[in-house]
Amino acid sequence: MSGVRCFLTALCLAFMAVSGLSAAAQSNVKFDDGLPQIDRQVSECLRQKGIGFLPRTDVICYNAMIFPDHLKRLKTLPQARRIIFTSSGGNMLVARRMNEELRRRDTPVTIAGPCLSSCAMLIIPGLNRLHIHKTALIASHGITNLGFDDWYVWEHQGRRPSAMQRASASIGMDDDYMFYKSANVHVEQHLKSVGVDVGYINRISDRMSLDARRFRDCLVKPSDYWTIMTPDHIQAYLGRSVVRMERFVSGWSDPLNRAYTHIGVAISDQSYIMHEEYASAGCPPQRSAGASIMASNAVR
């Protein structure tokens, strides 16, 4: 996650200056215009690290990871008129509790800047009066719904599990698989508890898996892939909660994504691998994002 944190401020602000037609122009979503006052508050929040009120306002800025101390800090703050939320992710159990706190407050929440991993998978679903700001990049983390055989083959370079290994996994005795599967269990349990269809995460996971298999350069661990959630996906699964949706990042080649293209290697227009994981897996020297995407598209 270290490669993510460096762009939480100035690079995020570059969104404000980006013009031109984005890939989201092909979306079926009807986008809302921006609100100047909220734009100013978002700009200020993306520069203000930590959790607290923006100066001289009744607006909370949450610009931090998702860890226990951060949840405690949020709980100490009085009621606000709005919460601006930006996070590169964190602990999944804490994210579920933080979602409960945000729902308890029933305060309008503006998602701005990066909303990655547990932010996208667990914070957003179930919130009321959700506003997606034009600076938002919403990205899910990891192929989470592989069955044991598929997971084992993926993790062991094509080798298939033995009958004994399958039997152990079926009764929860394969610790590595259980740890892998826990992410999907947490997300599905949460989605069901807040009335959101589990397709919200499973369709993203399926797409990520397909993109990974089509990318011929290399294969990394299932947990090391990322996929950008499109406006259509957010509208389809969270539309009842979204009160405002501005045109936000819809894919790797979207002009609105210029502030983020340095963080990883694109394997499709939605999916990517962080540089550190790409290099650690022994992948070949990366090409341009466009070349990587074309290589992925060529095998479809």
C-alpha atoms as a PDB file:
ATOM      1  CA  MET A   1       0.000   0.000   0.000  1.00  0.00           C
ATOM      2  CA  SER A   2       3.015   2.318   0.300  1.00  0.00           C
ATOM      3  CA  GLY A   3       2.848   3.133  -3.386  1.00  0.00           C
ATOM      4  CA  VAL A   4      -0.700   4.405  -2.939  1.00  0.00           C
ATOM      5  CA  ARG A   5      -0.186   6.915  -0.145  1.00  0.00           C
ATOM      6  CA  CYS A   6       2.083   9.278  -2.066  1.00  0.00           C
ATOM      7  CA  PHE A   7      -0.691  10.645  -4.244  1.00  0.00           C
ATOM      8  CA  LEU A   8      -3.249  11.565  -1.591  1.00  0.00           C
ATOM      9  CA  THR A   9      -2.673  15.318  -1.919  1.00  0.00           C
ATOM     10  CA  ALA A  10      -1.305  17.303  -4.860  1.00  0.00           C
ATOM     11  CA  LEU A  11      -1.822  14.638  -7.493  1.00  0.00           C
ATOM     12  CA  CYS A  12      -5.438  14.189  -6.471  1.00  0.00           C
ATOM     13  CA  LEU A  13      -5.970  17.911  -6.953  1.00  0.00           C
ATOM     14  CA  ALA A  14      -4.921  17.559 -10.584  1.00  0.00           C
ATOM     15  CA  PHE A  15      -8.405  16.203 -11.253  1.00  0.00           C
ATOM     16  CA  MET A  16      -9.808  19.661 -10.835  1.00  0.00           C
ATOM     17  CA  ALA A  17      -7.897  20.896 -13.878  1.00  0.00           C
ATOM     18  CA  VAL A  18      -8.487  17.939 -16.203  1.00  0.00           C
ATOM     19  CA  SER A  19     -10.746  18.683 -19.155  1.00  0.00           C
ATOM     20  CA  GLY A  20     -11.925  16.745 -22.190  1.00  0.00           C
ATOM     21  CA  LEU A  21     -14.196  13.808 -22.791  1.00  0.00           C
ATOM     22  CA  SER A  22     -13.562  10.867 -20.475  1.00  0.00           C
ATOM     23  CA  ALA A  23     -14.328   7.218 -21.020  1.00  0.00           C
ATOM     24  CA  ALA A  24     -17.313   7.724 -18.732  1.00  0.00           C
ATOM     25  CA  ALA A  25     -18.949   9.612 -21.600  1.00  0.00           C
ATOM     26  CA  GLN A  26     -20.020   6.185 -22.813  1.00  0.00           C
ATOM     27  CA  SER A  27     -21.745   5.487 -19.506  1.00  0.00           C
ATOM     28  CA  ASN A  28     -25.494   5.150 -19.157  1.00  0.00           C
ATOM     29  CA  VAL A  29     -25.354   7.145 -15.915  1.00  0.00           C
ATOM     30  CA  LYS A  30     -26.716  10.672 -15.855  1.00  0.00           C
ATOM     31  CA  PHE A  31     -24.031  12.668 -14.060  1.00  0.00           C
ATOM     32  CA  ASP A  32     -24.576  15.633 -11.764  1.00  0.00           C
ATOM     33  CA  ASP A  33     -22.724  18.926 -12.006  1.00  0.00           C
ATOM     34  CA  GLY A  34     -20.182  19.773  -9.356  1.00  0.00           C
ATOM     35  CA  LEU A  35     -20.955  22.099  -6.465  1.00  0.00           C
ATOM     36  CA  PRO A  36     -18.331  24.877  -6.019  1.00  0.00           C
ATOM     37  CA  GLN A  37     -18.532  24.898  -2.226  1.00  0.00           C
ATOM     38  CA  ILE A  38     -18.029  21.136  -1.973  1.00  0.00           C
ATOM     39  CA  ASP A  39     -15.252  21.311  -4.597  1.00  0.00           C
ATOM     40  CA  ARG A  40     -13.391  23.763  -2.380  1.00  0.00           C
ATOM     41  CA  GLN A  41     -13.921  21.588   0.687  1.00  0.00           C
ATOM     42  CA  VAL A  42     -12.731  18.479  -1.156  1.00  0.00           C
ATOM     43  CA  SER A  43      -9.621  20.315  -2.337  1.00  0.00           C
ATOM     44  CA  GLU A  44      -8.886  21.346   1.234  1.00  0.00           C
ATOM     45  CA  CYS A  45      -9.560  17.852   2.610  1.00  0.00           C
ATOM     46  CA  LEU A  46      -7.189  16.220   0.128  1.00  0.00           C
ATOM     47  CA  ARG A  47      -4.450  18.460   1.528  1.00  0.00           C
ATOM     48  CA  GLN A  48      -5.427  17.902   5.174  1.00  0.00           C
ATOM     49  CA  LYS A  49      -4.097  14.580   6.466  1.00  0.00           C
ATOM     50  CA  GLY A  50      -5.815  12.772   9.306  1.00  0.00           C
ATOM     51  CA  ILE A  51      -9.347  12.950  10.713  1.00  0.00           C
ATOM     52  CA  GLY A  52     -10.935  16.180  11.862  1.00  0.00           C
ATOM     53  CA  PHE A  53     -13.072  19.141  10.925  1.00  0.00           C
ATOM     54  CA  LEU A  54     -12.042  21.385   8.091  1.00  0.00           C
ATOM     55  CA  PRO A  55     -11.084  24.786   9.554  1.00  0.00           C
ATOM     56  CA  ARG A  56     -14.048  27.094  10.162  1.00  0.00           C
ATOM     57  CA  THR A  57     -16.595  24.509   8.946  1.00  0.00           C
ATOM     58  CA  ASP A  58     -18.895  21.824  10.286  1.00  0.00           C
ATOM     59  CA  VAL A  59     -17.522  19.358   7.704  1.00  0.00           C
ATOM     60  CA  ILE A  60     -15.447  16.352   8.792  1.00  0.00           C
ATOM     61  CA  CYS A  61     -12.480  15.410   6.620  1.00  0.00           C
ATOM     62  CA  TYR A  62     -11.492  11.741   6.825  1.00  0.00           C
ATOM     63  CA  ASN A  63      -8.168  11.466   4.961  1.00  0.00           C
ATOM     64  CA  ALA A  64      -6.476   8.409   6.463  1.00  0.00           C
ATOM     65  CA  MET A  65      -6.126   4.656   6.391  1.00  0.00           C
ATOM     66  CA  ILE A  66      -8.776   2.466   8.050  1.00  0.00           C
ATOM     67  CA  PHE A  67      -7.342   1.248  11.356  1.00  0.00           C
ATOM     68  CA  PRO A  68      -8.668   0.969  14.948  1.00  0.00           C
ATOM     69  CA  ASP A  69      -7.239   4.292  16.171  1.00  0.00           C
ATOM     70  CA  HIS A  70      -8.807   6.048  13.192  1.00  0.00           C
ATOM     71  CA  LEU A  71     -12.224   4.615  14.018  1.00  0.00           C
ATOM     72  CA  LYS A  72     -11.802   5.737  17.633  1.00  0.00           C
ATOM     73  CA  ARG A  73     -10.905   9.224  16.444  1.00  0.00           C
ATOM     74  CA  LEU A  74     -13.970   9.400  14.189  1.00  0.00           C
ATOM     75  CA  LYS A  75     -16.222   8.351  17.075  1.00  0.00           C
ATOM     76  CA  THR A  76     -14.957  11.221  19.225  1.00  0.00           C
ATOM     77  CA  LEU A  77     -16.047  13.874  16.731  1.00  0.00           C
ATOM     78  CA  PRO A  78     -19.441  15.562  17.110  1.00  0.00           C
ATOM     79  CA  GLN A  79     -22.133  15.406  14.477  1.00  0.00           C
ATOM     80  CA  ALA A  80     -21.258  17.153  11.216  1.00  0.00           C
ATOM     81  CA  ARG A  81     -23.131  18.522   8.228  1.00  0.00           C
ATOM     82  CA  ARG A  82     -21.045  16.417   5.826  1.00  0.00           C
ATOM     83  CA  ILE A  83     -18.196  13.893   5.896  1.00  0.00           C
ATOM     84  CA  ILE A  84     -15.632  13.906   3.094  1.00  0.00           C
ATOM     85  CA  PHE A  85     -14.062  10.449   2.973  1.00  0.00           C
ATOM     86  CA  THR A  86     -10.842   9.503   1.189  1.00  0.00           C
ATOM     87  CA  SER A  87      -8.777   6.423   2.045  1.00  0.00           C
ATOM     88  CA  SER A  88      -6.387   3.965   0.423  1.00  0.00           C
ATOM     89  CA  GLY A  89      -7.849   1.144   2.524  1.00  0.00           C
ATOM     90  CA  GLY A  90      -6.974  -0.730   5.681  1.00  0.00           C
ATOM     91  CA  ASN A  91      -8.307  -3.353   8.087  1.00  0.00           C
ATOM     92  CA  MET A  92     -11.459  -5.090   6.849  1.00  0.00           C
ATOM     93  CA  LEU A  93     -12.989  -5.695  10.292  1.00  0.00           C
ATOM     94  CA  VAL A  94     -12.436  -2.053  11.219  1.00  0.00           C
ATOM     95  CA  ALA A  95     -13.951  -0.982   7.899  1.00  0.00           C
ATOM     96  CA  ARG A  96     -17.144  -2.854   8.734  1.00  0.00           C
ATOM     97  CA  ARG A  97     -17.327  -1.115  12.124  1.00  0.00           C
ATOM     98  CA  MET A  98     -16.583   2.221  10.505  1.00  0.00           C
ATOM     99  CA  ASN A  99     -19.409   1.654   8.042  1.00  0.00           C
ATOM    100  CA  GLU A 100     -21.703   1.052  11.042  1.00  0.00           C
ATOM    101  CA  GLU A 101     -20.548   4.344  12.584  1.00  0.00           C
ATOM    102  CA  LEU A 102     -21.157   6.256   9.354  1.00  0.00           C
ATOM    103  CA  ARG A 103     -24.613   4.705   8.995  1.00  0.00           C
ATOM    104  CA  ARG A 104     -25.384   5.516  12.636  1.00  0.00           C
ATOM    105  CA  ARG A 105     -24.501   9.152  12.054  1.00  0.00           C
ATOM    106  CA  ASP A 106     -26.645   9.230   8.881  1.00  0.00           C
ATOM    107  CA  THR A 107     -24.581  12.188   7.655  1.00  0.00           C
ATOM    108  CA  PRO A 108     -24.146  12.842   3.912  1.00  0.00           C
ATOM    109  CA  VAL A 109     -20.826  11.280   2.827  1.00  0.00           C
ATOM    110  CA  THR A 110     -18.785  12.590  -0.097  1.00  0.00           C
ATOM    111  CA  ILE A 111     -16.345  10.059  -1.554  1.00  0.00           C
ATOM    112  CA  ALA A 112     -13.395  11.963  -3.000  1.00  0.00           C
ATOM    113  CA  GLY A 113      -9.885  11.124  -4.147  1.00  0.00           C
ATOM    114  CA  PRO A 114      -8.817   7.494  -3.733  1.00  0.00           C
ATOM    115  CA  CYS A 115     -11.322   5.090  -2.207  1.00  0.00           C
ATOM    116  CA  LEU A 116      -9.429   1.838  -2.449  1.00  0.00           C
ATOM    117  CA  SER A 117      -9.623  -1.721  -1.159  1.00  0.00           C
ATOM    118  CA  SER A 118     -11.725  -1.862   2.041  1.00  0.00           C
ATOM    119  CA  CYS A 119     -12.993   1.679   1.384  1.00  0.00           C
ATOM    120  CA  ALA A 120     -14.541   0.558  -1.904  1.00  0.00           C
ATOM    121  CA  MET A 121     -15.526  -2.904  -0.714  1.00  0.00           C
ATOM    122  CA  LEU A 122     -16.869  -2.170   2.790  1.00  0.00           C
ATOM    123  CA  ILE A 123     -17.177   1.551   3.542  1.00  0.00           C
ATOM    124  CA  ILE A 124     -19.340   2.641   0.610  1.00  0.00           C
ATOM    125  CA  PRO A 125     -21.968  -0.147   0.540  1.00  0.00           C
ATOM    126  CA  GLY A 126     -24.932   0.570   2.778  1.00  0.00           C
ATOM    127  CA  LEU A 127     -24.308   4.282   3.283  1.00  0.00           C
ATOM    128  CA  ASN A 128     -27.203   6.689   2.867  1.00  0.00           C
ATOM    129  CA  ARG A 129     -26.981  10.007   1.026  1.00  0.00           C
ATOM    130  CA  LEU A 130     -23.801   9.054  -0.793  1.00  0.00           C
ATOM    131  CA  HIS A 131     -22.112  11.635  -3.046  1.00  0.00           C
ATOM    132  CA  ILE A 132     -19.453  10.483  -5.527  1.00  0.00           C
ATOM    133  CA  HIS A 133     -17.185  13.446  -6.265  1.00  0.00           C
ATOM    134  CA  LYS A 134     -15.417  13.963  -9.595  1.00  0.00           C
ATOM    135  CA  THR A 135     -12.015  13.328  -7.970  1.00  0.00           C
ATOM    136  CA  ALA A 136     -12.980   9.809  -6.888  1.00  0.00           C
ATOM    137  CA  LEU A 137     -11.080   6.701  -7.891  1.00  0.00           C
ATOM    138  CA  ILE A 138     -12.980   3.700  -6.510  1.00  0.00           C
ATOM    139  CA  ALA A 139     -10.986   0.473  -6.833  1.00  0.00           C
ATOM    140  CA  SER A 140     -11.524  -3.020  -5.460  1.00  0.00           C
ATOM    141  CA  HIS A 141      -8.581  -5.107  -4.287  1.00  0.00           C
ATOM    142  CA  GLY A 142      -8.039  -8.789  -5.004  1.00  0.00           C
ATOM    143  CA  ILE A 143      -9.738 -11.669  -6.780  1.00  0.00           C
ATOM    144  CA  THR A 144     -11.753 -12.813  -3.794  1.00  0.00           C
ATOM    145  CA  ASN A 145     -14.141 -15.546  -4.942  1.00  0.00           C
ATOM    146  CA  LEU A 146     -12.009 -18.374  -6.335  1.00  0.00           C
ATOM    147  CA  GLY A 147     -12.932 -21.909  -5.371  1.00  0.00           C
ATOM    148  CA  PHE A 148     -10.215 -24.032  -3.762  1.00  0.00           C
ATOM    149  CA  ASP A 149      -9.083 -25.823  -6.934  1.00  0.00           C
ATOM    150  CA  ASP A 150      -8.808 -22.616  -8.961  1.00  0.00           C
ATOM    151  CA  TRP A 151      -7.049 -20.840  -6.102  1.00  0.00           C
ATOM    152  CA  TYR A 152      -4.578 -23.704  -5.618  1.00  0.00           C
ATOM    153  CA  VAL A 153      -3.695 -23.939  -9.316  1.00  0.00           C
ATOM    154  CA  TRP A 154      -3.224 -20.159  -9.435  1.00  0.00           C
ATOM    155  CA  GLU A 155      -0.998 -20.100  -6.328  1.00  0.00           C
ATOM    156  CA  HIS A 156       1.059 -23.174  -7.322  1.00  0.00           C
ATOM    157  CA  GLN A 157       1.961 -22.403 -10.931  1.00  0.00           C
ATOM    158  CA  GLY A 158      -0.532 -24.780 -12.521  1.00  0.00           C
ATOM    159  CA  ARG A 159      -0.172 -27.777 -10.177  1.00  0.00           C
ATOM    160  CA  ARG A 160      -3.463 -29.293  -9.117  1.00  0.00           C
ATOM    161  CA  PRO A 161      -4.306 -30.162  -5.495  1.00  0.00           C
ATOM    162  CA  SER A 162      -4.378 -33.742  -4.289  1.00  0.00           C
ATOM    163  CA  ALA A 163      -7.529 -35.437  -3.039  1.00  0.00           C
ATOM    164  CA  MET A 164      -6.196 -35.081   0.516  1.00  0.00           C
ATOM    165  CA  GLN A 165      -5.633 -31.348   0.065  1.00  0.00           C
ATOM    166  CA  ARG A 166      -9.170 -30.925  -1.304  1.00  0.00           C
ATOM    167  CA  ALA A 167     -10.581 -32.826   1.661  1.00  0.00           C
ATOM    168  CA  SER A 168      -8.617 -30.665   4.121  1.00  0.00           C
ATOM    169  CA  ALA A 169      -9.808 -27.484   2.449  1.00  0.00           C
ATOM    170  CA  SER A 170     -13.428 -28.655   2.471  1.00  0.00           C
ATOM    171  CA  ILE A 171     -13.412 -28.820   6.290  1.00  0.00           C
ATOM    172  CA  GLY A 172     -11.489 -25.575   6.750  1.00  0.00           C
ATOM    173  CA  MET A 173      -8.101 -27.131   7.482  1.00  0.00           C
ATOM    174  CA  ASP A 174      -6.123 -25.319   4.777  1.00  0.00           C
ATOM    175  CA  ASP A 175      -5.043 -22.164   6.609  1.00  0.00           C
ATOM    176  CA  ASP A 176      -3.733 -20.394   3.519  1.00  0.00           C
ATOM    177  CA  TYR A 177      -6.982 -20.892   1.627  1.00  0.00           C
ATOM    178  CA  MET A 178      -9.077 -19.944   4.639  1.00  0.00           C
ATOM    179  CA  PHE A 179      -7.088 -16.730   5.014  1.00  0.00           C
ATOM    180  CA  TYR A 180      -7.590 -16.005   1.314  1.00  0.00           C
ATOM    181  CA  LYS A 181     -11.305 -16.807   1.495  1.00  0.00           C
ATOM    182  CA  SER A 182     -11.857 -14.638   4.570  1.00  0.00           C
ATOM    183  CA  ALA A 183     -11.857 -11.477   2.455  1.00  0.00           C
ATOM    184  CA  ASN A 184     -14.792 -12.706   0.402  1.00  0.00           C
ATOM    185  CA  VAL A 185     -16.598 -13.925   3.527  1.00  0.00           C
ATOM    186  CA  HIS A 186     -16.253 -10.521   5.211  1.00  0.00           C
ATOM    187  CA  VAL A 187     -17.452  -8.608   2.175  1.00  0.00           C
ATOM    188  CA  GLU A 188     -20.376 -10.906   1.384  1.00  0.00           C
ATOM    189  CA  GLN A 189     -21.537 -10.914   5.023  1.00  0.00           C
ATOM    190  CA  HIS A 190     -21.365  -7.150   5.111  1.00  0.00           C
ATOM    191  CA  LEU A 191     -23.200  -6.681   1.815  1.00  0.00           C
ATOM    192  CA  LYS A 192     -25.993  -8.992   2.922  1.00  0.00           C
ATOM    193  CA  SER A 193     -26.292  -7.170   6.249  1.00  0.00           C
ATOM    194  CA  VAL A 194     -26.756  -3.779   4.554  1.00  0.00           C
ATOM    195  CA  GLY A 195     -29.037  -5.038   1.769  1.00  0.00           C
ATOM    196  CA  VAL A 196     -26.588  -4.792  -1.149  1.00  0.00           C
ATOM    197  CA  ASP A 197     -26.442  -7.590  -3.725  1.00  0.00           C
ATOM    198  CA  VAL A 198     -23.228  -9.658  -3.435  1.00  0.00           C
ATOM    199  CA  GLY A 199     -22.775  -9.144  -7.162  1.00  0.00           C
ATOM    200  CA  TYR A 200     -21.326  -5.787  -6.133  1.00  0.00           C
ATOM    201  CA  ILE A 201     -18.055  -7.532  -5.256  1.00  0.00           C
ATOM    202  CA  ASN A 202     -18.346 -10.870  -7.068  1.00  0.00           C
ATOM    203  CA  ARG A 203     -18.859  -9.340 -10.501  1.00  0.00           C
ATOM    204  CA  ILE A 204     -15.773  -7.186  -9.940  1.00  0.00           C
ATOM    205  CA  SER A 205     -13.814 -10.227  -8.794  1.00  0.00           C
ATOM    206  CA  ASP A 206     -14.900 -12.178 -11.893  1.00  0.00           C
ATOM    207  CA  ARG A 207     -13.864  -9.305 -14.124  1.00  0.00           C
ATOM    208  CA  MET A 208     -10.508  -9.043 -12.378  1.00  0.00           C
ATOM    209  CA  SER A 209      -9.941 -12.773 -12.812  1.00  0.00           C
ATOM    210  CA  LEU A 210     -10.776 -12.595 -16.521  1.00  0.00           C
ATOM    211  CA  ASP A 211      -8.476  -9.605 -17.045  1.00  0.00           C
ATOM    212  CA  ALA A 212      -5.671 -11.383 -15.173  1.00  0.00           C
ATOM    213  CA  ARG A 213      -5.973 -14.542 -17.282  1.00  0.00           C
ATOM    214  CA  ARG A 214      -6.004 -12.537 -20.519  1.00  0.00           C
ATOM    215  CA  PHE A 215      -2.847 -10.659 -19.598  1.00  0.00           C
ATOM    216  CA  ARG A 216      -0.068 -12.772 -21.075  1.00  0.00           C
ATOM    217  CA  ASP A 217       2.976 -11.067 -19.547  1.00  0.00           C
ATOM    218  CA  CYS A 218       2.698 -12.677 -16.112  1.00  0.00           C
ATOM    219  CA  LEU A 219       0.410 -13.872 -13.337  1.00  0.00           C
ATOM    220  CA  VAL A 220       0.633 -12.493  -9.787  1.00  0.00           C
ATOM    221  CA  LYS A 221      -1.136 -13.648  -6.632  1.00  0.00           C
ATOM    222  CA  PRO A 222      -4.952 -13.334  -6.738  1.00  0.00           C
ATOM    223  CA  SER A 223      -4.779 -10.793  -3.910  1.00  0.00           C
ATOM    224  CA  ASP A 224      -2.436  -8.521  -5.888  1.00  0.00           C
ATOM    225  CA  TYR A 225      -4.875  -7.367  -8.586  1.00  0.00           C
ATOM    226  CA  TRP A 226      -6.934  -4.181  -8.541  1.00  0.00           C
ATOM    227  CA  THR A 227      -9.959  -3.153 -10.602  1.00  0.00           C
ATOM    228  CA  ILE A 228     -11.525   0.278 -11.033  1.00  0.00           C
ATOM    229  CA  MET A 229     -15.264   0.340 -10.371  1.00  0.00           C
ATOM    230  CA  THR A 230     -17.172   2.142 -13.102  1.00  0.00           C
ATOM    231  CA  PRO A 231     -20.030   4.626 -12.630  1.00  0.00           C
ATOM    232  CA  ASP A 232     -22.413   2.069 -14.176  1.00  0.00           C
ATOM    233  CA  HIS A 233     -21.355  -0.539 -11.608  1.00  0.00           C
ATOM    234  CA  ILE A 234     -21.865   1.888  -8.721  1.00  0.00           C
ATOM    235  CA  GLN A 235     -25.241   2.944 -10.099  1.00  0.00           C
ATOM    236  CA  ALA A 236     -26.371  -0.664 -10.619  1.00  0.00           C
ATOM    237  CA  TYR A 237     -25.576  -1.852  -7.087  1.00  0.00           C
ATOM    238  CA  LEU A 238     -25.612   1.282  -4.912  1.00  0.00           C
ATOM    239  CA  GLY A 239     -27.926   3.522  -6.910  1.00  0.00           C
ATOM    240  CA  ARG A 240     -30.567   3.726  -4.172  1.00  0.00           C
ATOM    241  CA  SER A 241     -27.985   5.258  -1.827  1.00  0.00           C
ATOM    242  CA  VAL A 242     -26.366   7.674  -4.278  1.00  0.00           C
ATOM    243  CA  VAL A 243     -27.872  11.154  -4.119  1.00  0.00           C
ATOM    244  CA  ARG A 244     -25.230  12.805  -6.330  1.00  0.00           C
ATOM    245  CA  MET A 245     -22.782  11.287  -8.800  1.00  0.00           C
ATOM    246  CA  GLU A 246     -20.358  13.459 -10.723  1.00  0.00           C
ATOM    247  CA  ARG A 247     -18.318  12.150 -13.641  1.00  0.00           C
ATOM    248  CA  PHE A 248     -15.512  10.300 -11.814  1.00  0.00           C
ATOM    249  CA  VAL A 249     -12.681   7.996 -12.907  1.00  0.00           C
ATOM    250  CA  SER A 250     -14.118   5.217 -15.060  1.00  0.00           C
ATOM    251  CA  GLY A 251     -10.988   3.428 -16.256  1.00  0.00           C
ATOM    252  CA  TRP A 252      -7.224   3.473 -16.685  1.00  0.00           C
ATOM    253  CA  SER A 253      -7.325   5.465 -19.942  1.00  0.00           C
ATOM    254  CA  ASP A 254      -9.880   7.965 -18.616  1.00  0.00           C
ATOM    255  CA  PRO A 255      -8.303  11.474 -18.653  1.00  0.00           C
ATOM    256  CA  LEU A 256      -9.557  11.841 -15.072  1.00  0.00           C
ATOM    257  CA  ASN A 257      -7.158   9.034 -14.115  1.00  0.00           C
ATOM    258  CA  ARG A 258      -3.980  10.932 -15.010  1.00  0.00           C
ATOM    259  CA  ALA A 259      -3.139  11.517 -11.360  1.00  0.00           C
ATOM    260  CA  TYR A 260      -3.069   7.759 -10.709  1.00  0.00           C
ATOM    261  CA  THR A 261      -1.442   6.119 -13.736  1.00  0.00           C
ATOM    262  CA  HIS A 262       1.978   6.160 -12.079  1.00  0.00           C
ATOM    263  CA  ILE A 263       0.914   3.758  -9.313  1.00  0.00           C
ATOM    264  CA  GLY A 264       0.806   0.529 -11.302  1.00  0.00           C
ATOM    265  CA  VAL A 265       0.797  -1.425 -14.552  1.00  0.00           C
ATOM    266  CA  ALA A 266      -2.499  -1.627 -16.427  1.00  0.00           C
ATOM    267  CA  ILE A 267      -3.550  -5.074 -17.642  1.00  0.00           C
ATOM    268  CA  SER A 268      -6.875  -3.849 -19.047  1.00  0.00           C
ATOM    269  CA  ASP A 269      -8.730  -0.558 -18.992  1.00  0.00           C
ATOM    270  CA  GLN A 270     -10.213  -1.500 -15.583  1.00  0.00           C
ATOM    271  CA  SER A 271      -7.595  -3.707 -13.936  1.00  0.00           C
ATOM    272  CA  TYR A 272      -4.016  -3.104 -12.857  1.00  0.00           C
ATOM    273  CA  ILE A 273      -1.161  -4.409 -10.701  1.00  0.00           C
ATOM    274  CA  MET A 274       0.810  -2.223  -8.301  1.00  0.00           C
ATOM    275  CA  HIS A 275       4.471  -1.741  -9.289  1.00  0.00           C
ATOM    276  CA  GLU A 276       5.862  -3.480  -6.195  1.00  0.00           C
ATOM    277  CA  GLU A 277       3.801  -6.650  -6.688  1.00  0.00           C
ATOM    278  CA  TYR A 278       4.460  -6.590 -10.437  1.00  0.00           C
ATOM    279  CA  ALA A 279       8.218  -6.534  -9.858  1.00  0.00           C
ATOM    280  CA  SER A 280       8.133  -9.029  -6.959  1.00  0.00           C
ATOM    281  CA  ALA A 281       6.374 -11.604  -9.138  1.00  0.00           C
ATOM    282  CA  GLY A 282       9.232 -11.483 -11.649  1.00  0.00           C
ATOM    283  CA  CYS A 283       7.104  -9.902 -14.353  1.00  0.00           C
ATOM    284  CA  PRO A 284       9.047  -8.601 -17.372  1.00  0.00           C
ATOM    285  CA  PRO A 285      10.046  -4.918 -17.491  1.00  0.00           C
ATOM    286  CA  GLN A 286       6.839  -2.989 -17.867  1.00  0.00           C
ATOM    287  CA  ARG A 287       5.807  -1.275 -21.029  1.00  0.00           C
ATOM    288  CA  SER A 288       3.575   1.742 -21.273  1.00  0.00           C
ATOM    289  CA  ALA A 289       0.085   1.407 -19.847  1.00  0.00           C
ATOM    290  CA  GLY A 290      -1.321   1.656 -23.365  1.00  0.00           C
ATOM    291  CA  ALA A 291       0.895  -1.165 -24.629  1.00  0.00           C
ATOM    292  CA  SER A 292      -0.091  -3.350 -21.694  1.00  0.00           C
ATOM    293  CA  ILE A 293      -3.771  -2.764 -22.363  1.00  0.00           C
ATOM    294  CA  MET A 294      -3.373  -3.511 -26.063  1.00  0.00           C
ATOM    295  CA  ALA A 295      -1.589  -6.769 -25.229  1.00  0.00           C
ATOM    296  CA  SER A 296      -4.491  -7.718 -22.979  1.00  0.00           C
ATOM    297  CA  ASN A 297      -7.102  -6.799 -25.588  1.00  0.00           C
ATOM    298  CA  ALA A 298      -5.273  -8.719 -28.321  1.00  0.00           C
ATOM    299  CA  VAL A 299      -6.137 -12.113 -26.802  1.00  0.00           C
ATOM    300  CA  ARG A 300      -9.873 -11.478 -26.465  1.00  0.00           C
END
